Amino acid sequence: MSAPVLWERIVLVAAALGGIGLGWRLWKLWAHPPRPDRAPRRSAAWRGILYAFTGGMMPWAKESTRRHLVLYARGVLFHIGVAVAFASLVILPWRYTLPPVLAPAGLLLLLMGALSGLIGVLTRLFDERLRALSYPDDYAAVALVTLWQAAGAASWASSEVLPLFYGLSALTLLAIPLTKIRHCLYFFFSRFFFGRFYGRRGVLS
């Protein structure tokens, strides 16, 4: 068995285990359904849900992001890097058959994501307020995803780095249900229930 095939199988196994872990988290989530809202309905819940996933995610929608636009932009770049890293994991084996523009684009986006993650780690270390609120899991999760993105960027520059990227990909996939990275699952549920609750009450539109 060639090394690339071995790494691909390792990543697939890690993805399967990570999926099982997320499924378990999802089962626990649904095992505790929210209490029914007994307040009179004043508007359609779907309006609030739509707002929660659109306008409610804009920087001007909350005071905390309006006052910290640079931090908001850093978070956006970091999560774009996460999406590009997942995409790179799928398409890198066929990189030489793809349009040449993808390599510099993937490299640039992953570098920006990794830099944003590094800034996030340093901010937690040197900002007294964030340091007081941070747990080891916070540092470990951000550091792991930052290294993963950096390895992905390097893989777009040189195929020799692919084994490192695959190894960090497997580690990240296994860590998702075990660390705070699992917010990638909870995020959609929190936005949905937030929008439904306040949309039903006519607060969001």
C-alpha atoms as a PDB file:
ATOM      1  CA  MET A   1       0.000   0.000   0.000  1.00  0.00           C
ATOM      2  CA  SER A   2       1.427   3.362  -1.023  1.00  0.00           C
ATOM      3  CA  ALA A   3       1.879   6.143   1.522  1.00  0.00           C
ATOM      4  CA  PRO A   4      -0.765   8.448  -0.056  1.00  0.00           C
ATOM      5  CA  VAL A   5      -3.369   5.678   0.007  1.00  0.00           C
ATOM      6  CA  LEU A   6      -2.493   4.883   3.628  1.00  0.00           C
ATOM      7  CA  TRP A   7      -2.919   8.507   4.659  1.00  0.00           C
ATOM      8  CA  GLU A   8      -6.210   8.761   2.800  1.00  0.00           C
ATOM      9  CA  ARG A   9      -7.505   5.727   4.708  1.00  0.00           C
ATOM     10  CA  ILE A  10      -6.313   7.158   8.000  1.00  0.00           C
ATOM     11  CA  VAL A  11      -8.186  10.388   7.287  1.00  0.00           C
ATOM     12  CA  LEU A  12     -11.324   8.452   6.288  1.00  0.00           C
ATOM     13  CA  VAL A  13     -11.220   6.447   9.523  1.00  0.00           C
ATOM     14  CA  ALA A  14     -10.737   9.648  11.516  1.00  0.00           C
ATOM     15  CA  ALA A  15     -13.651  11.265   9.658  1.00  0.00           C
ATOM     16  CA  ALA A  16     -15.856   8.262  10.440  1.00  0.00           C
ATOM     17  CA  LEU A  17     -14.931   8.330  14.131  1.00  0.00           C
ATOM     18  CA  GLY A  18     -15.428  12.074  14.267  1.00  0.00           C
ATOM     19  CA  GLY A  19     -18.822  11.678  12.608  1.00  0.00           C
ATOM     20  CA  ILE A  20     -19.815   9.051  15.165  1.00  0.00           C
ATOM     21  CA  GLY A  21     -18.734  11.390  17.937  1.00  0.00           C
ATOM     22  CA  LEU A  22     -20.769  14.254  16.509  1.00  0.00           C
ATOM     23  CA  GLY A  23     -23.722  11.919  16.102  1.00  0.00           C
ATOM     24  CA  TRP A  24     -23.475  11.058  19.782  1.00  0.00           C
ATOM     25  CA  ARG A  25     -23.365  14.741  20.658  1.00  0.00           C
ATOM     26  CA  LEU A  26     -26.405  15.327  18.467  1.00  0.00           C
ATOM     27  CA  TRP A  27     -28.276  12.465  20.143  1.00  0.00           C
ATOM     28  CA  LYS A  28     -27.537  13.980  23.570  1.00  0.00           C
ATOM     29  CA  LEU A  29     -28.742  17.350  22.296  1.00  0.00           C
ATOM     30  CA  TRP A  30     -32.072  15.973  21.105  1.00  0.00           C
ATOM     31  CA  ALA A  31     -32.460  13.962  24.319  1.00  0.00           C
ATOM     32  CA  HIS A  32     -33.155  17.262  26.084  1.00  0.00           C
ATOM     33  CA  PRO A  33     -35.657  19.108  23.882  1.00  0.00           C
ATOM     34  CA  PRO A  34     -36.469  22.717  24.790  1.00  0.00           C
ATOM     35  CA  ARG A  35     -39.563  23.473  26.806  1.00  0.00           C
ATOM     36  CA  PRO A  36     -42.536  24.622  24.735  1.00  0.00           C
ATOM     37  CA  ASP A  37     -42.950  28.383  24.423  1.00  0.00           C
ATOM     38  CA  ARG A  38     -46.315  29.218  25.981  1.00  0.00           C
ATOM     39  CA  ALA A  39     -46.222  32.931  25.165  1.00  0.00           C
ATOM     40  CA  PRO A  40     -48.729  34.121  22.523  1.00  0.00           C
ATOM     41  CA  ARG A  41     -47.258  34.087  19.020  1.00  0.00           C
ATOM     42  CA  ARG A  42     -46.857  37.581  17.592  1.00  0.00           C
ATOM     43  CA  SER A  43     -45.077  36.802  14.326  1.00  0.00           C
ATOM     44  CA  ALA A  44     -43.837  33.940  12.150  1.00  0.00           C
ATOM     45  CA  ALA A  45     -40.914  31.986  13.567  1.00  0.00           C
ATOM     46  CA  TRP A  46     -39.331  31.617  10.126  1.00  0.00           C
ATOM     47  CA  ARG A  47     -38.748  35.358   9.947  1.00  0.00           C
ATOM     48  CA  GLY A  48     -36.580  35.195  13.032  1.00  0.00           C
ATOM     49  CA  ILE A  49     -34.757  32.109  11.768  1.00  0.00           C
ATOM     50  CA  LEU A  50     -34.026  33.822   8.459  1.00  0.00           C
ATOM     51  CA  TYR A  51     -32.722  36.889  10.272  1.00  0.00           C
ATOM     52  CA  ALA A  52     -30.575  34.782  12.607  1.00  0.00           C
ATOM     53  CA  PHE A  53     -28.730  33.230   9.653  1.00  0.00           C
ATOM     54  CA  THR A  54     -28.456  36.437   7.599  1.00  0.00           C
ATOM     55  CA  GLY A  55     -28.655  39.944   9.035  1.00  0.00           C
ATOM     56  CA  GLY A  56     -28.162  38.711  12.575  1.00  0.00           C
ATOM     57  CA  MET A  57     -24.657  37.536  11.664  1.00  0.00           C
ATOM     58  CA  MET A  58     -23.536  40.895  10.302  1.00  0.00           C
ATOM     59  CA  PRO A  59     -21.048  42.906  12.383  1.00  0.00           C
ATOM     60  CA  TRP A  60     -23.500  45.747  12.968  1.00  0.00           C
ATOM     61  CA  ALA A  61     -26.133  43.422  14.455  1.00  0.00           C
ATOM     62  CA  LYS A  62     -24.473  43.259  17.890  1.00  0.00           C
ATOM     63  CA  GLU A  63     -22.740  45.873  20.004  1.00  0.00           C
ATOM     64  CA  SER A  64     -19.854  43.507  20.761  1.00  0.00           C
ATOM     65  CA  THR A  65     -18.998  43.173  17.063  1.00  0.00           C
ATOM     66  CA  ARG A  66     -19.791  46.782  16.136  1.00  0.00           C
ATOM     67  CA  ARG A  67     -17.212  47.932  18.646  1.00  0.00           C
ATOM     68  CA  HIS A  68     -14.608  45.329  17.667  1.00  0.00           C
ATOM     69  CA  LEU A  69     -14.673  45.133  13.875  1.00  0.00           C
ATOM     70  CA  VAL A  70     -11.041  44.020  13.634  1.00  0.00           C
ATOM     71  CA  LEU A  71     -11.696  41.045  15.908  1.00  0.00           C
ATOM     72  CA  TYR A  72     -14.825  40.243  13.914  1.00  0.00           C
ATOM     73  CA  ALA A  73     -12.824  40.267  10.678  1.00  0.00           C
ATOM     74  CA  ARG A  74     -10.183  38.036  12.254  1.00  0.00           C
ATOM     75  CA  GLY A  75     -12.862  35.515  13.204  1.00  0.00           C
ATOM     76  CA  VAL A  76     -14.327  35.575   9.712  1.00  0.00           C
ATOM     77  CA  LEU A  77     -10.918  34.959   8.111  1.00  0.00           C
ATOM     78  CA  PHE A  78     -10.196  32.150  10.560  1.00  0.00           C
ATOM     79  CA  HIS A  79     -13.443  30.349   9.754  1.00  0.00           C
ATOM     80  CA  ILE A  80     -12.994  30.893   6.021  1.00  0.00           C
ATOM     81  CA  GLY A  81      -9.640  29.197   6.460  1.00  0.00           C
ATOM     82  CA  VAL A  82     -11.358  26.268   8.161  1.00  0.00           C
ATOM     83  CA  ALA A  83     -13.727  25.870   5.221  1.00  0.00           C
ATOM     84  CA  VAL A  84     -10.829  26.067   2.747  1.00  0.00           C
ATOM     85  CA  ALA A  85      -8.869  23.493   4.773  1.00  0.00           C
ATOM     86  CA  PHE A  86     -11.761  21.034   4.536  1.00  0.00           C
ATOM     87  CA  ALA A  87     -12.063  21.708   0.816  1.00  0.00           C
ATOM     88  CA  SER A  88      -8.307  21.268   0.396  1.00  0.00           C
ATOM     89  CA  LEU A  89      -8.474  17.928   2.165  1.00  0.00           C
ATOM     90  CA  VAL A  90     -10.846  16.715  -0.538  1.00  0.00           C
ATOM     91  CA  ILE A  91      -9.264  18.225  -3.653  1.00  0.00           C
ATOM     92  CA  LEU A  92      -5.511  18.236  -2.935  1.00  0.00           C
ATOM     93  CA  PRO A  93      -5.007  14.660  -4.222  1.00  0.00           C
ATOM     94  CA  TRP A  94      -6.118  15.953  -7.639  1.00  0.00           C
ATOM     95  CA  ARG A  95      -4.407  19.352  -7.471  1.00  0.00           C
ATOM     96  CA  TYR A  96      -2.440  18.874 -10.685  1.00  0.00           C
ATOM     97  CA  THR A  97      -5.627  18.242 -12.697  1.00  0.00           C
ATOM     98  CA  LEU A  98      -7.379  21.353 -11.346  1.00  0.00           C
ATOM     99  CA  PRO A  99      -7.209  24.961 -12.613  1.00  0.00           C
ATOM    100  CA  PRO A 100      -3.816  26.485 -11.694  1.00  0.00           C
ATOM    101  CA  VAL A 101      -5.481  29.442  -9.969  1.00  0.00           C
ATOM    102  CA  LEU A 102      -6.654  27.206  -7.125  1.00  0.00           C
ATOM    103  CA  ALA A 103      -3.161  26.727  -5.713  1.00  0.00           C
ATOM    104  CA  PRO A 104      -2.365  30.413  -4.973  1.00  0.00           C
ATOM    105  CA  ALA A 105      -5.955  31.016  -3.852  1.00  0.00           C
ATOM    106  CA  GLY A 106      -5.875  28.092  -1.427  1.00  0.00           C
ATOM    107  CA  LEU A 107      -2.431  29.062  -0.206  1.00  0.00           C
ATOM    108  CA  LEU A 108      -3.445  32.688   0.436  1.00  0.00           C
ATOM    109  CA  LEU A 109      -6.741  31.905   2.177  1.00  0.00           C
ATOM    110  CA  LEU A 110      -5.177  29.258   4.405  1.00  0.00           C
ATOM    111  CA  LEU A 111      -2.285  31.547   5.309  1.00  0.00           C
ATOM    112  CA  MET A 112      -4.743  34.288   6.302  1.00  0.00           C
ATOM    113  CA  GLY A 113      -6.730  31.770   8.323  1.00  0.00           C
ATOM    114  CA  ALA A 114      -3.618  30.461  10.074  1.00  0.00           C
ATOM    115  CA  LEU A 115      -2.414  33.992  10.817  1.00  0.00           C
ATOM    116  CA  SER A 116      -5.836  34.842  12.248  1.00  0.00           C
ATOM    117  CA  GLY A 117      -5.679  31.742  14.433  1.00  0.00           C
ATOM    118  CA  LEU A 118      -2.193  32.657  15.659  1.00  0.00           C
ATOM    119  CA  ILE A 119      -3.412  36.142  16.550  1.00  0.00           C
ATOM    120  CA  GLY A 120      -6.297  34.520  18.413  1.00  0.00           C
ATOM    121  CA  VAL A 121      -3.945  32.371  20.488  1.00  0.00           C
ATOM    122  CA  LEU A 122      -1.665  35.318  21.263  1.00  0.00           C
ATOM    123  CA  THR A 123      -4.642  37.495  22.187  1.00  0.00           C
ATOM    124  CA  ARG A 124      -5.797  34.899  24.702  1.00  0.00           C
ATOM    125  CA  LEU A 125      -2.298  34.731  26.146  1.00  0.00           C
ATOM    126  CA  PHE A 126      -1.650  38.458  26.507  1.00  0.00           C
ATOM    127  CA  ASP A 127      -5.132  39.928  27.050  1.00  0.00           C
ATOM    128  CA  GLU A 128      -5.818  39.698  30.779  1.00  0.00           C
ATOM    129  CA  ARG A 129      -9.584  39.547  30.348  1.00  0.00           C
ATOM    130  CA  LEU A 130      -9.514  36.792  27.716  1.00  0.00           C
ATOM    131  CA  ARG A 131      -6.876  34.877  29.649  1.00  0.00           C
ATOM    132  CA  ALA A 132      -9.165  34.827  32.700  1.00  0.00           C
ATOM    133  CA  LEU A 133     -11.991  33.391  30.587  1.00  0.00           C
ATOM    134  CA  SER A 134      -9.908  30.829  28.689  1.00  0.00           C
ATOM    135  CA  TYR A 135      -9.450  27.161  29.483  1.00  0.00           C
ATOM    136  CA  PRO A 136      -6.799  24.762  28.158  1.00  0.00           C
ATOM    137  CA  ASP A 137      -9.359  23.464  25.675  1.00  0.00           C
ATOM    138  CA  ASP A 138      -9.637  26.946  24.144  1.00  0.00           C
ATOM    139  CA  TYR A 139      -5.907  27.158  23.500  1.00  0.00           C
ATOM    140  CA  ALA A 140      -5.613  23.571  22.287  1.00  0.00           C
ATOM    141  CA  ALA A 141      -8.546  23.821  19.858  1.00  0.00           C
ATOM    142  CA  VAL A 142      -7.422  27.094  18.265  1.00  0.00           C
ATOM    143  CA  ALA A 143      -3.780  25.995  18.134  1.00  0.00           C
ATOM    144  CA  LEU A 144      -4.645  22.675  16.479  1.00  0.00           C
ATOM    145  CA  VAL A 145      -6.848  24.265  13.811  1.00  0.00           C
ATOM    146  CA  THR A 146      -4.228  26.962  13.222  1.00  0.00           C
ATOM    147  CA  LEU A 147      -1.506  24.358  12.652  1.00  0.00           C
ATOM    148  CA  TRP A 148      -3.885  22.421  10.409  1.00  0.00           C
ATOM    149  CA  GLN A 149      -4.492  25.468   8.231  1.00  0.00           C
ATOM    150  CA  ALA A 150      -0.763  26.258   8.095  1.00  0.00           C
ATOM    151  CA  ALA A 151      -0.024  22.698   6.961  1.00  0.00           C
ATOM    152  CA  GLY A 152      -2.759  22.997   4.355  1.00  0.00           C
ATOM    153  CA  ALA A 153      -1.203  26.192   3.017  1.00  0.00           C
ATOM    154  CA  ALA A 154       2.198  24.513   2.850  1.00  0.00           C
ATOM    155  CA  SER A 155       0.644  21.551   1.020  1.00  0.00           C
ATOM    156  CA  TRP A 156      -0.577  23.852  -1.731  1.00  0.00           C
ATOM    157  CA  ALA A 157       3.018  25.064  -2.084  1.00  0.00           C
ATOM    158  CA  SER A 158       4.658  21.620  -1.955  1.00  0.00           C
ATOM    159  CA  SER A 159       3.174  18.126  -2.138  1.00  0.00           C
ATOM    160  CA  GLU A 160       5.914  16.909   0.203  1.00  0.00           C
ATOM    161  CA  VAL A 161       3.984  18.452   3.101  1.00  0.00           C
ATOM    162  CA  LEU A 162       0.824  16.452   2.334  1.00  0.00           C
ATOM    163  CA  PRO A 163       1.559  13.706   4.926  1.00  0.00           C
ATOM    164  CA  LEU A 164       1.754  16.366   7.660  1.00  0.00           C
ATOM    165  CA  PHE A 165      -1.490  17.925   6.442  1.00  0.00           C
ATOM    166  CA  TYR A 166      -3.203  14.532   6.387  1.00  0.00           C
ATOM    167  CA  GLY A 167      -1.926  13.738   9.864  1.00  0.00           C
ATOM    168  CA  LEU A 168      -3.194  17.034  11.283  1.00  0.00           C
ATOM    169  CA  SER A 169      -6.457  16.543   9.372  1.00  0.00           C
ATOM    170  CA  ALA A 170      -6.980  13.165  11.052  1.00  0.00           C
ATOM    171  CA  LEU A 171      -6.170  14.662  14.449  1.00  0.00           C
ATOM    172  CA  THR A 172      -8.552  17.565  13.873  1.00  0.00           C
ATOM    173  CA  LEU A 173     -11.380  15.281  12.762  1.00  0.00           C
ATOM    174  CA  LEU A 174     -10.929  13.143  15.868  1.00  0.00           C
ATOM    175  CA  ALA A 175     -10.784  16.230  18.085  1.00  0.00           C
ATOM    176  CA  ILE A 176     -13.997  17.807  16.777  1.00  0.00           C
ATOM    177  CA  PRO A 177     -16.453  15.933  19.044  1.00  0.00           C
ATOM    178  CA  LEU A 178     -14.030  15.950  21.992  1.00  0.00           C
ATOM    179  CA  THR A 179     -13.101  19.638  22.118  1.00  0.00           C
ATOM    180  CA  LYS A 180     -14.730  23.005  21.678  1.00  0.00           C
ATOM    181  CA  ILE A 181     -14.347  22.604  17.952  1.00  0.00           C
ATOM    182  CA  ARG A 182     -17.711  20.845  18.198  1.00  0.00           C
ATOM    183  CA  HIS A 183     -19.317  24.296  18.189  1.00  0.00           C
ATOM    184  CA  CYS A 184     -19.350  23.783  14.407  1.00  0.00           C
ATOM    185  CA  LEU A 185     -22.361  21.550  15.159  1.00  0.00           C
ATOM    186  CA  TYR A 186     -23.925  23.569  17.951  1.00  0.00           C
ATOM    187  CA  PHE A 187     -23.673  26.820  16.010  1.00  0.00           C
ATOM    188  CA  PHE A 188     -26.496  25.932  13.627  1.00  0.00           C
ATOM    189  CA  PHE A 189     -28.777  24.752  16.416  1.00  0.00           C
ATOM    190  CA  SER A 190     -28.141  27.835  18.542  1.00  0.00           C
ATOM    191  CA  ARG A 191     -28.890  30.181  15.641  1.00  0.00           C
ATOM    192  CA  PHE A 192     -32.012  28.202  14.737  1.00  0.00           C
ATOM    193  CA  PHE A 193     -33.483  28.190  18.249  1.00  0.00           C
ATOM    194  CA  PHE A 194     -32.494  31.810  18.819  1.00  0.00           C
ATOM    195  CA  GLY A 195     -34.235  32.894  15.627  1.00  0.00           C
ATOM    196  CA  ARG A 196     -37.304  30.752  16.207  1.00  0.00           C
ATOM    197  CA  PHE A 197     -37.779  31.948  19.792  1.00  0.00           C
ATOM    198  CA  TYR A 198     -37.481  35.671  19.108  1.00  0.00           C
ATOM    199  CA  GLY A 199     -39.049  35.491  15.660  1.00  0.00           C
ATOM    200  CA  ARG A 200     -42.160  33.904  17.149  1.00  0.00           C
ATOM    201  CA  ARG A 201     -42.370  36.751  19.629  1.00  0.00           C
ATOM    202  CA  GLY A 202     -42.018  39.371  16.893  1.00  0.00           C
ATOM    203  CA  VAL A 203     -38.691  40.683  18.152  1.00  0.00           C
ATOM    204  CA  LEU A 204     -36.647  39.748  15.077  1.00  0.00           C
ATOM    205  CA  SER A 205     -37.620  40.392  11.463  1.00  0.00           C
END
